Protein backbone atom coordinates (compact mmCIF):
# COMPACT_ATOMS: atom_id res chain seq x y z
CA MET A 1 -0.08 0.29 0.19
CA LEU A 2 1.27 3.34 -0.96
CA ARG A 3 1.67 5.97 1.93
CA ARG A 4 0.42 9.48 1.29
CA THR A 5 2.00 11.05 3.94
CA LYS A 6 5.66 11.93 3.62
CA ILE A 7 8.49 11.48 5.87
CA VAL A 8 11.37 13.87 6.90
CA ALA A 9 14.04 12.57 8.89
CA THR A 10 16.91 14.64 10.29
CA VAL A 11 20.53 13.64 9.31
CA GLY A 12 23.22 13.35 11.93
CA PRO A 13 25.83 11.13 13.73
CA ALA A 14 23.58 8.18 14.12
CA CYS A 15 23.06 7.88 10.32
CA SER A 16 26.23 9.46 8.62
CA ASP A 17 27.11 5.80 7.99
CA PRO A 18 26.05 5.20 4.31
CA LYS A 19 24.68 1.49 5.20
CA VAL A 20 22.42 2.97 7.77
CA MET A 21 21.11 5.71 5.76
CA ASP A 22 20.71 3.61 2.74
CA ARG A 23 18.05 1.29 5.31
CA MET A 24 16.49 4.48 6.52
CA ILE A 25 15.85 5.15 2.82
CA GLU A 26 14.55 1.46 2.30
CA ALA A 27 12.27 1.91 5.28
CA GLY A 28 10.48 5.14 3.80
CA VAL A 29 12.50 8.48 4.26
CA ASP A 30 11.09 11.07 1.63
CA VAL A 31 13.28 14.15 2.33
CA VAL A 32 16.23 14.34 4.53
CA ARG A 33 16.72 17.63 6.91
CA LEU A 34 20.06 19.22 7.31
CA ASN A 35 19.98 21.03 10.66
CA PHE A 36 22.67 24.15 10.34
CA SER A 37 22.58 24.25 13.74
CA HIS A 38 25.16 21.79 13.93
CA GLY A 39 28.21 20.69 11.66
CA THR A 40 30.02 22.27 9.02
CA PRO A 41 29.11 23.50 5.39
CA GLU A 42 31.52 20.84 4.02
CA GLU A 43 29.82 17.95 6.45
CA HIS A 44 26.36 19.12 4.75
CA MET A 45 27.72 19.11 1.32
CA GLN A 46 28.87 15.47 1.78
CA ARG A 47 25.48 14.38 3.73
CA ALA A 48 23.43 15.79 0.67
CA GLU A 49 25.49 14.00 -1.82
CA LEU A 50 25.34 10.75 -0.04
CA VAL A 51 21.66 10.58 0.37
CA ARG A 52 21.39 11.69 -3.85
CA SER A 53 23.61 9.03 -4.66
CA LEU A 54 22.26 6.27 -2.63
CA ALA A 55 18.59 7.51 -3.83
CA LYS A 56 19.84 7.36 -7.07
CA THR A 57 21.05 3.56 -6.88
CA ARG A 58 17.87 2.72 -5.48
CA GLY A 59 16.07 4.24 -8.25
CA ARG A 60 14.07 6.81 -6.19
CA ALA A 61 14.32 10.79 -5.47
CA VAL A 62 14.94 11.83 -2.03
CA GLY A 63 14.77 15.87 -1.01
CA VAL A 64 16.99 17.89 0.70
CA LEU A 65 15.65 20.61 3.32
CA VAL A 66 18.32 22.73 4.91
CA ASP A 67 17.08 24.19 8.23
CA LEU A 68 18.66 27.35 9.16
CA GLN A 69 19.62 27.72 12.93
CA GLY A 70 18.46 31.23 12.95
CA PRO A 71 19.32 33.76 16.27
CA LYS A 72 20.85 31.98 19.05
CA ILE A 73 18.56 33.22 21.77
CA ARG A 74 20.48 30.95 24.46
CA ILE A 75 22.37 31.45 27.72
CA GLY A 76 26.13 30.98 27.68
CA LYS A 77 28.06 28.11 29.36
CA PHE A 78 28.55 26.87 32.88
CA LYS A 79 32.27 26.47 34.71
CA ASP A 80 30.90 23.08 35.32
CA GLY A 81 29.06 22.24 32.67
CA LYS A 82 25.53 22.79 34.80
CA VAL A 83 23.93 23.87 37.71
CA ASN A 84 21.05 23.03 39.80
CA LEU A 85 18.39 25.59 40.43
CA LYS A 86 15.88 25.72 43.42
CA ASP A 87 12.80 27.20 43.66
CA GLY A 88 12.71 30.32 45.02
CA GLU A 89 16.34 31.31 44.57
CA SER A 90 17.58 34.55 43.00
CA PHE A 91 19.77 33.84 39.78
CA THR A 92 21.16 36.27 37.22
CA LEU A 93 21.59 36.47 33.74
CA ASP A 94 24.31 38.59 32.49
CA ALA A 95 25.48 39.55 29.27
CA ASP A 96 28.79 40.16 30.40
CA CYS A 97 29.43 36.68 32.22
CA ILE A 98 32.13 34.58 30.51
CA LEU A 99 31.41 31.16 32.71
CA GLY A 100 28.54 30.83 34.61
CA ASP A 101 27.81 29.26 38.29
CA ASP A 102 25.11 28.47 40.41
CA GLY A 103 24.31 32.21 40.95
CA GLN A 104 25.00 33.49 36.96
CA VAL A 105 25.24 32.69 33.55
CA GLY A 106 25.81 34.55 30.44
CA LEU A 107 23.91 35.19 27.41
CA ASP A 108 24.68 34.33 23.72
CA TYR A 109 21.52 36.69 23.14
CA LYS A 110 22.80 39.99 24.53
CA ASP A 111 19.74 41.93 23.33
CA LEU A 112 17.59 40.07 26.04
CA VAL A 113 17.97 43.21 28.31
CA LYS A 114 16.23 45.17 25.95
CA ASP A 115 13.36 42.66 25.23
CA VAL A 116 12.45 42.19 29.25
CA SER A 117 11.13 44.18 32.19
CA ARG A 118 10.17 43.53 35.78
CA GLY A 119 7.59 41.17 35.84
CA SER A 120 8.25 39.28 32.30
CA THR A 121 8.41 35.44 32.47
CA LEU A 122 11.18 33.84 30.95
CA LEU A 123 11.56 30.09 30.22
CA LEU A 124 14.67 28.18 29.70
CA ASP A 125 15.54 24.62 28.16
CA ASP A 126 12.05 24.18 26.52
CA GLY A 127 10.20 25.55 29.55
CA ARG A 128 11.72 23.18 31.81
CA ILE A 129 12.97 26.12 33.98
CA GLU A 130 10.90 29.18 34.81
CA MET A 131 12.29 32.42 36.10
CA TRP A 132 10.47 35.64 36.88
CA VAL A 133 12.39 39.07 35.99
CA GLU A 134 12.51 40.79 39.33
CA GLU A 135 14.74 43.75 37.92
CA VAL A 136 16.97 44.83 34.54
CA LYS A 137 20.05 46.49 35.85
CA GLY A 138 22.46 47.41 33.01
CA ASN A 139 23.77 44.18 31.19
CA LYS A 140 21.91 41.93 33.88
CA VAL A 141 18.77 40.51 34.16
CA ILE A 142 18.06 39.51 37.63
CA CYS A 143 15.52 36.73 38.29
CA LYS A 144 14.08 34.57 40.70
CA VAL A 145 13.49 31.18 40.00
CA ILE A 146 9.92 29.87 39.91
CA ARG A 147 10.33 26.38 38.52
CA GLY A 148 14.16 24.77 39.17
CA GLY A 149 15.99 22.06 37.94
CA ALA A 150 19.34 21.33 35.98
CA LEU A 151 20.26 23.54 33.86
CA SER A 152 23.22 22.90 31.24
CA ASN A 153 25.16 24.93 28.73
CA ASN A 154 23.47 26.85 25.82
CA LYS A 155 20.13 26.12 26.51
CA GLY A 156 17.39 28.23 24.77
CA ILE A 157 15.67 30.96 26.18
CA ASN A 158 11.91 32.00 25.34
CA ARG A 159 9.89 35.00 26.85
CA LYS A 160 6.46 33.85 27.59
CA GLY A 161 3.79 35.22 25.27
CA GLY A 162 6.66 35.87 22.95
CA GLY A 163 8.53 39.17 22.39
CA LEU A 164 12.04 38.84 22.11
CA SER A 165 13.28 41.26 19.22
CA ALA A 166 16.00 38.76 17.58
CA THR A 167 16.11 39.23 13.53
CA ALA A 168 15.07 35.89 11.67
CA LEU A 169 18.42 35.90 9.67
CA THR A 170 21.55 36.19 11.33
CA GLU A 171 24.86 36.80 9.47
CA LYS A 172 25.62 32.88 10.03
CA ASP A 173 22.19 32.51 8.67
CA VAL A 174 23.23 34.33 5.33
CA GLU A 175 26.18 32.31 4.86
CA ASP A 176 24.65 29.21 5.07
CA ILE A 177 21.67 30.24 2.49
CA LYS A 178 24.50 30.49 0.18
CA THR A 179 25.66 26.95 0.86
CA ALA A 180 22.09 25.88 0.44
CA ALA A 181 21.97 27.23 -2.63
CA LYS A 182 25.67 25.73 -3.56
CA LEU A 183 24.25 22.02 -2.50
CA LYS A 184 20.86 22.69 -4.53
CA ALA A 185 18.66 22.32 -1.35
CA ASP A 186 14.76 21.41 -2.43
CA TYR A 187 13.68 23.43 0.78
CA LEU A 188 14.98 26.11 3.17
CA ALA A 189 13.72 26.33 6.55
CA VAL A 190 13.56 29.69 7.87
CA SER A 191 13.84 29.56 11.76
CA PHE A 192 11.85 31.98 14.06
CA PRO A 193 10.45 34.41 11.70
CA ARG A 194 7.82 36.98 12.87
CA ALA A 195 6.66 38.84 9.53
CA ALA A 196 6.36 37.96 5.95
CA ALA A 197 9.30 40.28 5.54
CA ASP A 198 11.38 37.62 7.24
CA ILE A 199 10.27 34.93 4.36
CA GLN A 200 10.93 37.37 1.92
CA GLN A 201 14.29 38.32 2.80
CA ALA A 202 15.45 35.03 2.72
CA ARG A 203 14.16 34.10 -0.51
CA GLU A 204 16.09 37.21 -2.11
CA ILE A 205 19.08 35.98 -0.47
CA LEU A 206 18.57 32.64 -1.70
CA ARG A 207 17.87 33.68 -5.45
CA ALA A 208 20.83 35.96 -5.37
CA ALA A 209 22.80 33.20 -4.74
CA GLY A 210 21.47 30.69 -7.46
CA GLY A 211 19.34 28.89 -5.29
CA LYS A 212 16.00 27.43 -6.56
CA ALA A 213 14.89 25.95 -3.10
CA TRP A 214 10.89 26.74 -1.89
CA ILE A 215 10.93 28.33 1.44
CA VAL A 216 9.78 26.70 4.76
CA ALA A 217 8.62 29.24 7.43
CA LYS A 218 8.99 27.72 10.83
CA ILE A 219 6.16 28.54 13.01
CA GLU A 220 7.63 28.67 16.49
CA ARG A 221 6.95 32.42 17.96
CA ALA A 222 3.78 33.68 19.41
CA GLU A 223 4.40 36.74 16.94
CA ALA A 224 4.31 34.34 14.03
CA VAL A 225 0.78 32.70 15.07
CA HIS A 226 -0.32 36.46 15.07
CA ALA A 227 0.87 36.97 11.72
CA LEU A 228 0.26 33.63 10.34
CA GLU A 229 -1.89 34.27 7.29
CA GLU A 230 0.65 36.56 5.86
CA ILE A 231 3.68 34.12 6.56
CA VAL A 232 1.71 31.35 4.90
CA ASP A 233 1.12 33.67 1.78
CA ALA A 234 4.89 34.98 1.83
CA SER A 235 5.99 31.11 2.07
CA ASP A 236 5.99 27.84 -0.08
CA ALA A 237 5.50 25.65 3.02
CA ILE A 238 5.17 26.39 6.97
CA MET A 239 6.64 23.68 9.90
CA VAL A 240 4.32 23.33 12.83
CA ALA A 241 7.39 23.79 15.07
CA ARG A 242 5.85 22.51 18.28
CA GLY A 243 8.88 22.91 20.58
CA ASP A 244 9.42 26.81 20.91
CA LEU A 245 6.05 27.45 19.67
CA GLY A 246 4.50 25.37 22.68
CA VAL A 247 7.12 27.36 25.37
CA GLU A 248 6.10 30.50 23.98
CA VAL A 249 2.02 30.36 23.67
CA GLY A 250 1.77 27.48 26.17
CA ASP A 251 1.45 23.87 25.46
CA ALA A 252 -2.06 23.41 25.85
CA ALA A 253 -2.53 25.81 22.69
CA VAL A 254 -0.46 23.93 20.64
CA PRO A 255 -3.03 20.99 19.73
CA ALA A 256 -5.56 23.58 18.32
CA LEU A 257 -3.05 25.66 16.55
CA GLN A 258 -1.71 22.80 14.89
CA LYS A 259 -5.02 22.01 13.29
CA LYS A 260 -5.50 25.80 12.26
CA MET A 261 -2.39 26.29 10.44
CA ILE A 262 -2.77 22.71 8.75
CA ARG A 263 -6.17 23.70 7.10
CA LEU A 264 -4.85 27.29 6.70
CA ALA A 265 -1.81 25.81 4.51
CA ARG A 266 -3.55 23.57 2.58
CA ALA A 267 -6.55 25.98 1.86
CA LYS A 268 -3.79 28.65 0.34
CA ASN A 269 -2.36 25.77 -1.68
CA LYS A 270 0.61 25.55 0.41
CA LEU A 271 2.70 22.71 2.20
CA VAL A 272 2.89 21.62 5.95
CA ILE A 273 5.12 19.57 7.95
CA THR A 274 4.15 18.68 11.40
CA ALA A 275 7.52 18.40 13.49
CA THR A 276 8.98 18.09 17.16
CA GLN A 277 9.04 15.16 19.74
CA MET A 278 6.75 12.89 17.36
CA MET A 279 8.57 9.60 18.43
CA GLU A 280 11.01 11.27 21.12
CA SER A 281 10.86 7.96 23.07
CA MET A 282 12.87 6.00 20.03
CA ILE A 283 15.83 7.92 21.06
CA SER A 284 16.44 5.23 23.26
CA SER A 285 13.77 2.73 22.84
CA PRO A 286 13.20 0.50 19.58
CA ILE A 287 9.12 1.13 19.93
CA PRO A 288 7.38 4.22 20.30
CA THR A 289 5.20 4.92 23.27
CA ARG A 290 1.18 4.71 22.37
CA ALA A 291 0.82 8.53 22.91
CA GLU A 292 3.56 9.24 20.22
CA VAL A 293 1.47 6.89 17.74
CA SER A 294 -1.25 8.78 18.41
CA ASP A 295 0.51 12.17 17.64
CA VAL A 296 1.88 11.03 14.39
CA ALA A 297 -1.88 9.39 13.67
CA ASN A 298 -3.39 12.66 14.31
CA ALA A 299 -1.04 14.64 12.32
CA VAL A 300 -1.94 12.44 9.42
CA LEU A 301 -5.56 12.73 9.70
CA ASP A 302 -5.23 17.02 10.49
CA GLY A 303 -3.75 16.60 6.69
CA SER A 304 0.00 17.08 7.16
CA ASP A 305 1.79 16.76 4.14
CA ALA A 306 4.67 15.33 6.10
CA VAL A 307 5.75 14.47 9.47
CA MET A 308 8.98 14.83 10.91
CA LEU A 309 11.81 13.22 13.08
CA SER A 310 14.45 15.18 14.90
CA ALA A 311 16.88 13.87 17.45
CA GLU A 312 15.37 10.28 16.74
CA THR A 313 17.18 9.90 13.44
CA ALA A 314 20.14 12.21 14.24
CA ALA A 315 21.14 11.17 17.29
CA GLY A 316 18.98 8.18 18.23
CA GLN A 317 20.16 4.39 18.50
CA PHE A 318 17.48 3.38 16.46
CA PRO A 319 17.24 5.48 13.33
CA VAL A 320 16.00 2.84 10.76
CA GLU A 321 13.34 1.29 13.42
CA THR A 322 12.06 5.06 14.05
CA VAL A 323 11.37 5.28 10.04
CA SER A 324 9.99 1.87 10.06
CA ALA A 325 7.49 2.79 12.86
CA MET A 326 6.55 6.34 11.51
CA HIS A 327 5.84 4.40 8.13
CA ARG A 328 3.36 1.72 9.80
CA VAL A 329 1.54 4.61 12.00
CA CYS A 330 0.88 6.49 8.51
CA ILE A 331 -0.12 3.74 6.65
CA GLU A 332 -2.60 2.82 9.41
CA ALA A 333 -3.98 6.06 9.91
CA GLU A 334 -4.60 7.16 6.08
CA LYS A 335 -6.77 3.72 6.24
CA GLU A 336 -9.00 5.32 8.53
CA MET A 337 -9.29 8.87 7.22
CA GLU A 338 -13.09 9.81 6.55
CA PRO A 339 -14.25 9.27 2.57
CA PRO A 340 -12.71 12.38 0.61
CA THR A 341 -15.31 15.15 -0.63
CA PHE A 342 -15.17 17.93 -2.66
CA SER A 343 -16.15 20.85 -0.26
CA GLU A 344 -18.49 23.73 -1.32
CA GLN A 345 -15.27 25.84 -0.32
CA ALA A 346 -13.07 24.03 -3.18
CA ILE A 347 -15.75 24.71 -5.83
CA ALA A 348 -16.34 28.41 -4.50
CA GLU A 349 -12.99 29.36 -4.34
CA GLY A 350 -11.68 31.24 -7.65
CA ILE A 351 -9.15 30.02 -9.95
CA LEU A 352 -7.02 32.50 -11.50
CA ARG A 353 -5.01 30.02 -13.70
CA VAL A 354 -5.67 27.43 -16.30
CA ASP A 355 -3.35 25.00 -14.99
CA GLU A 356 -4.92 25.35 -11.45
CA ALA A 357 -8.42 24.54 -13.15
CA ILE A 358 -6.97 21.57 -14.90
CA ALA A 359 -5.61 20.34 -11.47
CA LYS A 360 -8.71 20.70 -9.63
CA SER A 361 -10.97 19.23 -12.21
CA ALA A 362 -8.70 16.20 -12.01
CA ALA A 363 -9.36 16.05 -8.31
CA PHE A 364 -13.09 16.65 -8.93
CA THR A 365 -13.40 13.81 -11.77
CA ALA A 366 -11.36 11.57 -9.43
CA LEU A 367 -13.90 11.78 -6.78
CA HIS A 368 -16.69 10.90 -9.01
CA LEU A 369 -15.10 8.04 -11.13
CA ASN A 370 -13.53 4.89 -9.97
CA VAL A 371 -10.07 6.42 -11.02
CA LYS A 372 -7.25 4.30 -9.96
CA ALA A 373 -4.22 6.91 -10.68
CA ILE A 374 -3.48 10.50 -11.98
CA ALA A 375 -0.71 11.31 -13.93
CA ALA A 376 0.48 14.98 -14.12
CA MET A 377 3.00 15.40 -16.71
CA THR A 378 4.65 18.45 -15.43
CA GLN A 379 7.72 20.18 -15.58
CA SER A 380 7.42 22.48 -12.54
CA GLY A 381 5.28 20.11 -10.40
CA SER A 382 2.59 22.90 -9.91
CA THR A 383 -0.08 20.97 -11.13
CA ALA A 384 0.61 17.99 -8.61
CA LEU A 385 0.63 20.18 -6.00
CA TRP A 386 -2.86 21.70 -6.53
CA THR A 387 -4.28 18.29 -7.28
CA SER A 388 -2.95 17.00 -3.97
CA ARG A 389 -4.47 19.65 -1.99
CA ILE A 390 -7.69 18.24 -2.28
CA SER A 391 -7.83 14.59 -0.77
CA THR A 392 -8.87 12.29 -3.44
CA HIS A 393 -6.99 9.29 -2.08
CA VAL A 394 -6.04 8.50 -5.37
CA PRO A 395 -2.29 8.42 -6.11
CA ILE A 396 -0.77 11.27 -8.32
CA TYR A 397 2.18 10.44 -10.17
CA ALA A 398 4.23 13.67 -11.11
CA LEU A 399 5.54 12.28 -14.32
CA THR A 400 8.75 14.81 -15.35
CA PRO A 401 12.30 14.84 -16.34
CA GLU A 402 13.48 17.51 -14.39
CA VAL A 403 15.55 16.15 -11.22
CA GLU A 404 14.91 19.30 -9.46
CA THR A 405 11.20 18.85 -9.78
CA ARG A 406 11.02 15.38 -9.00
CA ARG A 407 13.13 15.98 -5.51
CA LYS A 408 10.57 19.02 -4.55
CA VAL A 409 7.62 16.88 -5.23
CA THR A 410 8.75 14.37 -2.57
CA LEU A 411 7.34 16.40 0.12
CA PHE A 412 3.74 16.83 -1.46
CA ARG A 413 0.91 14.50 0.23
CA GLY A 414 -0.02 11.47 -2.15
CA VAL A 415 2.19 12.23 -4.90
CA TYR A 416 5.51 10.26 -6.38
CA PRO A 417 7.75 11.29 -8.34
CA VAL A 418 8.34 9.45 -11.66
CA ASN A 419 11.67 9.80 -13.96
CA PHE A 420 9.72 10.49 -17.35
CA LYS A 421 11.56 11.20 -20.42
CA PRO A 422 9.50 10.41 -23.40
CA SER A 423 10.59 9.19 -26.70
CA SER A 424 8.29 12.02 -28.60
CA GLN A 425 6.87 15.18 -27.98
CA MET A 426 4.03 14.08 -30.04
CA ARG A 427 0.72 14.26 -27.65
CA ASP A 428 -0.87 10.82 -28.50
CA GLN A 429 2.63 9.09 -28.42
CA LEU A 430 3.23 10.87 -25.04
CA LEU A 431 -0.09 9.82 -23.54
CA ALA A 432 0.34 6.51 -24.64
CA GLU A 433 4.30 6.34 -23.15
CA ALA A 434 2.71 8.13 -19.80
CA GLU A 435 0.08 5.12 -19.83
CA ASP A 436 2.60 2.44 -20.31
CA GLU A 437 4.74 4.13 -17.55
CA LEU A 438 2.15 3.45 -15.01
CA ARG A 439 1.46 -0.13 -16.26
CA ARG A 440 5.09 -1.21 -16.04
CA ARG A 441 4.67 0.32 -12.32
CA GLY A 442 2.01 -2.00 -11.43
CA ALA A 443 0.00 1.40 -10.70
CA VAL A 444 -2.64 0.35 -12.97
CA ARG A 445 -3.65 -2.40 -15.45
CA ASN A 446 -6.16 -3.00 -18.32
CA GLY A 447 -9.65 -1.81 -17.60
CA ASP A 448 -8.72 0.57 -15.07
CA LEU A 449 -9.38 4.19 -15.71
CA ILE A 450 -6.80 6.76 -15.34
CA LEU A 451 -6.56 10.88 -15.52
CA LEU A 452 -3.83 12.21 -17.59
CA THR A 453 -3.03 16.07 -17.35
CA ILE A 454 -0.65 17.68 -20.01
CA GLY A 455 0.28 20.93 -21.39
CA GLU A 456 0.25 21.96 -25.00
CA PRO A 457 2.70 23.20 -26.29
CA ILE A 458 4.37 20.35 -24.49
CA GLY A 459 7.40 21.34 -22.03
CA LYS A 460 5.90 24.82 -21.61
CA PRO A 461 6.36 25.37 -17.67
CA GLY A 462 3.05 26.20 -16.03
CA GLY A 463 1.53 25.19 -19.51
CA THR A 464 -0.99 22.36 -18.34
CA ASN A 465 -4.12 22.74 -20.11
CA THR A 466 -5.68 19.33 -20.92
CA LEU A 467 -7.09 16.58 -18.94
CA LYS A 468 -7.56 13.32 -20.41
CA ILE A 469 -9.53 10.39 -19.12
CA VAL A 470 -8.07 6.88 -20.39
CA ARG A 471 -9.43 3.19 -19.87
CA VAL A 472 -6.17 1.44 -19.53
CA GLY A 473 -5.99 -1.06 -22.70
CA ASP A 474 -8.14 0.57 -24.92
CA ARG A 475 -5.74 2.44 -27.40
CA LYS A 476 -4.38 -1.27 -28.18
CA LYS A 477 -7.56 -2.38 -29.32
CA THR A 478 -8.30 0.30 -31.89
């Protein structure tokens, strides 16, 4: 059974061995994430090349997502590596401190003193440590520990309710965007954007460097939630980054926000990745918890294009088993999805382009005929994307000679890339070869109905203007 929801796996020390990475691809990885918070540009280049080489050997396309570090909103280091904070104690965040102790620690984010005042609540280490700001004095933020615990080097800082002014793109990010362009990344994820302007800036830098990646906005700040619609409009995809988001808006608010974001992204023909702690227990366990299984299944049922693994595959003990477990959960959840419908909203929405009209017509037709497959002959992947926004449960094959397009559609829910280089540019011959390709793959057999979309003149990007319904095998009878 084909899995419609895609799997994004983070690359790290646990899967740098080519044999491990190859097994992960075999287990079902569709897109790899290169986390630029760690590693060197050279290491990332090598990992991207390895993944693409292994995928090519298997006759598959695997996408590459570069995830920018973003601003380092973190504390500094401790003299002994960590301290244990007790409730009610005083603790100072000091921008001038070099090595911390049990009473103070330095700041990588020097501007914290400008962003907080008496009464602000700071959350450290993904919310495990809570502090109340008593006073800001020069470069010192003097706090009272509300919820203590162990605090170690370089842990993150969030302000409850948002309000930290760090810009989304740092000098490091600008250089990393150039590296992403050099390694021909398929997707570029922008960390901590607050507004559409952050996404637009990243796109401009990327294009100037020659990169063609699609931009993913990571929704992880309270400000991003307030500007959600404009950020979605400016992006090609969003990531529901539940870690920092949950710290800033409160963990109880995250499930409803997740559903809202997925609905909005799909309604605007954008992609959506659900991420963070999806199978975190599998960092050290060969099986997931039942709660994690439910979490992944709910992300699938919500309509996510992809679900993402982070430390589970980057640093965990069971990277291959984790991918296999996620694959199984997605498959089972998809079996239980409600029968698809073509909503009144989809019918009422305005259509501005001919290729979009063809894509939506294909989805509508697939819901009303017993269609076995949709074959979108595409240069850019746009037709496949639009068709995938309406859940039909019918597999969509993106037939394209463009390697970059095949890698991009690896993130599209229910879309499968096919390396398609027809021997002729004549319309009837091209359609016949597309039908033969689906038969060869076992996707269809004689008597099945398939939908074919194509643009004329052949090969023109964005030129899809024809939808044809074909019964497999009929042409061989004539």
